[in-house]
Amino acid sequence: MGTMGERKSSRSGIQTRDRIIDAALETVRTEGLVGASVRAIARTGGFNQALVFYHFGSVEDLLLVALERANERRISHFREQLENVQSLSDLVDVAIMLHGSEGQCDHPALAAIVAGWSSNGDVGPRIVEILRPWDDLVAGALRRSLTGTSFADVVPVDDLAHAVSALFLGIELLTQLDGDVTRTNSLFASLAGAAGAAEPMLATFAAMGGAPRGTMPG
């Protein structure tokens, strides 16, 4: 166990890192990814520029940590809802809630970082890893939605979960760029209708103990 002075220093370091991360997210939100320089971030947070390099090494590493922090906050806010999904309609409802929360302070920064670095071959794989927990949560929701039907064995759930996550991310990024939510709202309404229509069919297959005739096993 460290001394009181060491523990106080550790707490102070954590608080400083948190302050820098919050300043980075706020700077990206207001200035965009291109405007998120060390000078701009330090100005936003009211601290010395040298602290960025001391705690994170580079602006790129700082922004990756900031992306991870923003993503963790978003996941923590919706984890319970996703873990309680029992049907496709439930999953669409959570997607609609997620979409409706795009005004939260972290979301614009998260979207800007992902979009701005989407073609960066060095950073891209790290971003994918940061976002991967969404795939796991969606995969769990899909498995529960398909429980009792042979679709659970036939459908490659992990691949489908990745496709669903990628589709949602693409919709969010396009909406962020366009600013017009009319088409997005219409799309989610159509998805809700399709999910509602599919559920009686899934229930029928569950009662029959299988998937439709002619379905090939995976």
Protein backbone atom coordinates (compact mmCIF):
# COMPACT_ATOMS: atom_id res chain seq x y z
CA MET A 1 0.00 0.00 0.00
CA GLY A 2 1.40 3.41 -0.99
CA THR A 3 1.83 6.37 1.30
CA MET A 4 -0.84 9.02 1.64
CA GLY A 5 1.24 11.31 -0.56
CA GLU A 6 1.52 8.65 -3.26
CA ARG A 7 -2.24 7.96 -3.18
CA LYS A 8 -2.99 11.69 -3.39
CA SER A 9 -0.59 12.01 -6.33
CA SER A 10 -2.26 9.05 -8.05
CA ARG A 11 -5.72 10.56 -7.58
CA SER A 12 -4.45 13.89 -8.90
CA GLY A 13 -3.03 12.16 -11.99
CA ILE A 14 -6.31 10.41 -12.70
CA GLN A 15 -8.20 13.66 -12.31
CA THR A 16 -5.79 15.40 -14.69
CA ARG A 17 -6.18 12.65 -17.29
CA ASP A 18 -9.97 12.87 -17.00
CA ARG A 19 -9.81 16.62 -17.42
CA ILE A 20 -7.68 16.27 -20.57
CA ILE A 21 -9.99 13.59 -22.01
CA ASP A 22 -13.06 15.74 -21.41
CA ALA A 23 -11.32 18.72 -23.00
CA ALA A 24 -10.41 16.60 -26.04
CA LEU A 25 -14.01 15.46 -26.50
CA GLU A 26 -15.34 19.00 -26.11
CA THR A 27 -12.77 20.31 -28.61
CA VAL A 28 -13.69 17.67 -31.20
CA ARG A 29 -17.37 18.42 -30.62
CA THR A 30 -16.94 22.16 -31.17
CA GLU A 31 -13.96 22.35 -33.54
CA GLY A 32 -14.14 19.03 -35.37
CA LEU A 33 -11.39 16.44 -35.59
CA VAL A 34 -9.20 18.67 -37.77
CA GLY A 35 -9.38 21.45 -35.19
CA ALA A 36 -8.45 19.20 -32.27
CA SER A 37 -4.82 20.29 -31.98
CA VAL A 38 -2.82 20.17 -28.75
CA ARG A 39 -3.13 23.95 -28.51
CA ALA A 40 -6.91 23.88 -28.96
CA ILE A 41 -7.41 21.05 -26.47
CA ALA A 42 -5.24 22.77 -23.86
CA ARG A 43 -7.09 26.04 -24.42
CA THR A 44 -10.46 24.29 -23.96
CA GLY A 45 -9.36 22.62 -20.74
CA GLY A 46 -7.31 25.50 -19.39
CA PHE A 47 -4.11 23.50 -18.86
CA ASN A 48 -0.55 23.44 -20.18
CA GLN A 49 -0.05 21.74 -23.56
CA ALA A 50 2.81 19.68 -22.13
CA LEU A 51 0.31 17.71 -20.00
CA VAL A 52 -1.13 16.10 -23.14
CA PHE A 53 2.23 14.63 -24.07
CA TYR A 54 3.10 13.73 -20.47
CA HIS A 55 -0.09 11.72 -19.91
CA PHE A 56 -0.85 10.42 -23.43
CA GLY A 57 2.25 10.74 -25.57
CA SER A 58 0.48 12.18 -28.61
CA VAL A 59 -2.77 13.79 -29.70
CA GLU A 60 -3.64 10.64 -31.65
CA ASP A 61 -3.33 8.45 -28.54
CA LEU A 62 -5.30 11.00 -26.51
CA LEU A 63 -8.14 10.99 -29.03
CA LEU A 64 -8.22 7.19 -29.09
CA VAL A 65 -8.52 7.14 -25.30
CA ALA A 66 -11.21 9.83 -25.55
CA LEU A 67 -13.07 7.73 -28.14
CA GLU A 68 -12.90 4.72 -25.83
CA ARG A 69 -14.18 6.80 -22.90
CA ALA A 70 -17.08 8.20 -24.95
CA ASN A 71 -17.95 4.73 -26.20
CA GLU A 72 -17.86 3.27 -22.68
CA ARG A 73 -20.21 5.98 -21.43
CA ARG A 74 -22.63 5.28 -24.29
CA ILE A 75 -22.50 1.54 -23.69
CA SER A 76 -23.04 1.92 -19.93
CA HIS A 77 -26.11 4.04 -20.65
CA PHE A 78 -27.70 1.41 -22.92
CA ARG A 79 -26.22 -1.87 -21.67
CA GLU A 80 -29.22 -2.72 -19.50
CA GLN A 81 -31.68 -2.08 -22.33
CA LEU A 82 -29.70 -4.25 -24.74
CA GLU A 83 -29.28 -7.04 -22.20
CA ASN A 84 -33.06 -7.04 -21.67
CA VAL A 85 -33.85 -7.41 -25.39
CA GLN A 86 -35.99 -10.50 -25.98
CA SER A 87 -37.31 -9.85 -29.50
CA LEU A 88 -36.46 -8.12 -32.75
CA SER A 89 -38.94 -5.38 -31.87
CA ASP A 90 -37.10 -4.81 -28.59
CA LEU A 91 -33.82 -4.49 -30.50
CA VAL A 92 -35.29 -1.92 -32.90
CA ASP A 93 -36.69 0.01 -29.93
CA VAL A 94 -33.22 0.23 -28.38
CA ALA A 95 -31.78 1.35 -31.73
CA ILE A 96 -34.38 4.12 -31.85
CA MET A 97 -33.47 5.18 -28.31
CA LEU A 98 -29.78 5.18 -29.26
CA HIS A 99 -30.52 7.28 -32.30
CA GLY A 100 -32.60 9.67 -30.21
CA SER A 101 -29.68 10.15 -27.83
CA GLU A 102 -27.37 11.50 -30.52
CA GLY A 103 -27.63 14.94 -28.97
CA GLN A 104 -25.70 13.74 -25.91
CA CYS A 105 -22.44 15.67 -25.55
CA ASP A 106 -20.17 12.68 -26.30
CA HIS A 107 -21.96 11.49 -29.43
CA PRO A 108 -20.91 14.21 -31.91
CA ALA A 109 -17.28 13.79 -30.84
CA LEU A 110 -17.49 10.01 -31.12
CA ALA A 111 -18.98 10.24 -34.60
CA ALA A 112 -16.40 12.84 -35.70
CA ILE A 113 -13.45 10.71 -34.58
CA VAL A 114 -14.78 7.54 -36.23
CA ALA A 115 -15.63 9.34 -39.48
CA GLY A 116 -12.40 11.33 -39.56
CA TRP A 117 -10.18 8.30 -39.08
CA SER A 118 -12.20 5.77 -41.07
CA SER A 119 -9.55 5.65 -43.81
CA ASN A 120 -6.55 5.68 -41.48
CA GLY A 121 -4.98 2.23 -41.84
CA ASP A 122 -2.95 2.57 -38.65
CA VAL A 123 -5.75 3.77 -36.39
CA GLY A 124 -8.68 1.94 -38.03
CA PRO A 125 -8.09 -1.47 -36.38
CA ARG A 126 -7.85 0.18 -32.97
CA ILE A 127 -11.17 1.94 -33.54
CA VAL A 128 -12.77 -1.38 -34.53
CA GLU A 129 -11.56 -2.92 -31.26
CA ILE A 130 -12.94 0.01 -29.26
CA LEU A 131 -16.36 -0.41 -30.90
CA ARG A 132 -16.39 -4.23 -30.71
CA PRO A 133 -18.38 -4.41 -27.42
CA TRP A 134 -21.43 -3.26 -29.42
CA ASP A 135 -21.14 -6.40 -31.57
CA ASP A 136 -21.16 -8.57 -28.42
CA LEU A 137 -24.21 -6.84 -26.96
CA VAL A 138 -26.13 -7.02 -30.25
CA ALA A 139 -25.15 -10.68 -30.71
CA GLY A 140 -26.58 -11.49 -27.29
CA ALA A 141 -29.79 -9.65 -28.14
CA LEU A 142 -30.12 -11.53 -31.45
CA ARG A 143 -29.56 -14.91 -29.79
CA ARG A 144 -32.30 -14.23 -27.26
CA SER A 145 -34.59 -13.01 -30.04
CA LEU A 146 -34.06 -16.26 -31.99
CA THR A 147 -34.22 -18.60 -29.00
CA GLY A 148 -36.45 -21.61 -29.62
CA THR A 149 -36.14 -21.56 -33.40
CA SER A 150 -33.67 -23.33 -35.64
CA PHE A 151 -32.69 -19.89 -36.89
CA ALA A 152 -30.48 -19.69 -33.79
CA ASP A 153 -28.37 -22.50 -35.28
CA VAL A 154 -28.71 -21.54 -38.95
CA VAL A 155 -28.09 -17.79 -38.82
CA PRO A 156 -24.43 -16.74 -38.23
CA VAL A 157 -25.36 -14.53 -35.29
CA ASP A 158 -21.93 -12.98 -34.76
CA ASP A 159 -21.71 -11.94 -38.42
CA LEU A 160 -25.27 -10.62 -38.32
CA ALA A 161 -24.52 -8.66 -35.14
CA HIS A 162 -21.51 -7.05 -36.80
CA ALA A 163 -23.65 -6.15 -39.82
CA VAL A 164 -26.34 -4.63 -37.60
CA SER A 165 -23.75 -2.59 -35.66
CA ALA A 166 -22.10 -1.42 -38.88
CA LEU A 167 -25.46 -0.48 -40.39
CA PHE A 168 -26.41 1.55 -37.32
CA LEU A 169 -23.03 3.28 -37.25
CA GLY A 170 -23.37 4.16 -40.94
CA ILE A 171 -26.86 5.55 -40.40
CA GLU A 172 -25.63 7.66 -37.49
CA LEU A 173 -22.68 9.04 -39.44
CA LEU A 174 -24.83 9.91 -42.45
CA THR A 175 -27.40 11.60 -40.23
CA GLN A 176 -24.61 13.56 -38.57
CA LEU A 177 -23.41 14.76 -41.97
CA ASP A 178 -26.84 15.43 -43.45
CA GLY A 179 -28.54 16.92 -40.42
CA ASP A 180 -31.94 15.82 -41.76
CA VAL A 181 -33.44 13.09 -39.58
CA THR A 182 -36.58 12.64 -41.69
CA ARG A 183 -35.30 9.72 -43.74
CA THR A 184 -33.61 8.14 -40.73
CA ASN A 185 -36.82 8.29 -38.70
CA SER A 186 -38.70 6.80 -41.64
CA LEU A 187 -36.14 3.98 -41.87
CA PHE A 188 -36.46 3.14 -38.18
CA ALA A 189 -40.25 3.15 -38.50
CA SER A 190 -39.96 0.68 -41.39
CA LEU A 191 -37.59 -1.52 -39.37
CA ALA A 192 -40.01 -1.50 -36.44
CA GLY A 193 -42.82 -2.57 -38.77
CA ALA A 194 -40.70 -5.34 -40.32
CA ALA A 195 -39.63 -6.64 -36.91
CA GLY A 196 -43.22 -6.69 -35.71
CA ALA A 197 -44.29 -8.60 -38.82
CA ALA A 198 -41.46 -11.13 -38.46
CA GLU A 199 -42.14 -12.04 -34.86
CA PRO A 200 -45.35 -14.08 -35.44
CA MET A 201 -43.43 -16.05 -38.06
CA LEU A 202 -40.58 -16.70 -35.64
CA ALA A 203 -43.08 -17.76 -32.97
CA THR A 204 -44.64 -20.21 -35.42
CA PHE A 205 -41.25 -21.71 -36.24
CA ALA A 206 -40.47 -21.96 -32.55
CA ALA A 207 -43.74 -23.82 -31.93
CA MET A 208 -42.91 -26.15 -34.83
CA GLY A 209 -39.43 -26.63 -33.43
CA GLY A 210 -37.59 -25.64 -36.56
CA ALA A 211 -36.84 -23.24 -39.36
CA PRO A 212 -38.68 -23.08 -42.68
CA ARG A 213 -38.54 -26.09 -44.94
CA GLY A 214 -35.57 -25.93 -47.25
CA THR A 215 -33.37 -23.94 -44.89
CA MET A 216 -29.80 -25.17 -45.13
CA PRO A 217 -27.85 -25.76 -41.94
CA GLY A 218 -24.86 -23.48 -41.32
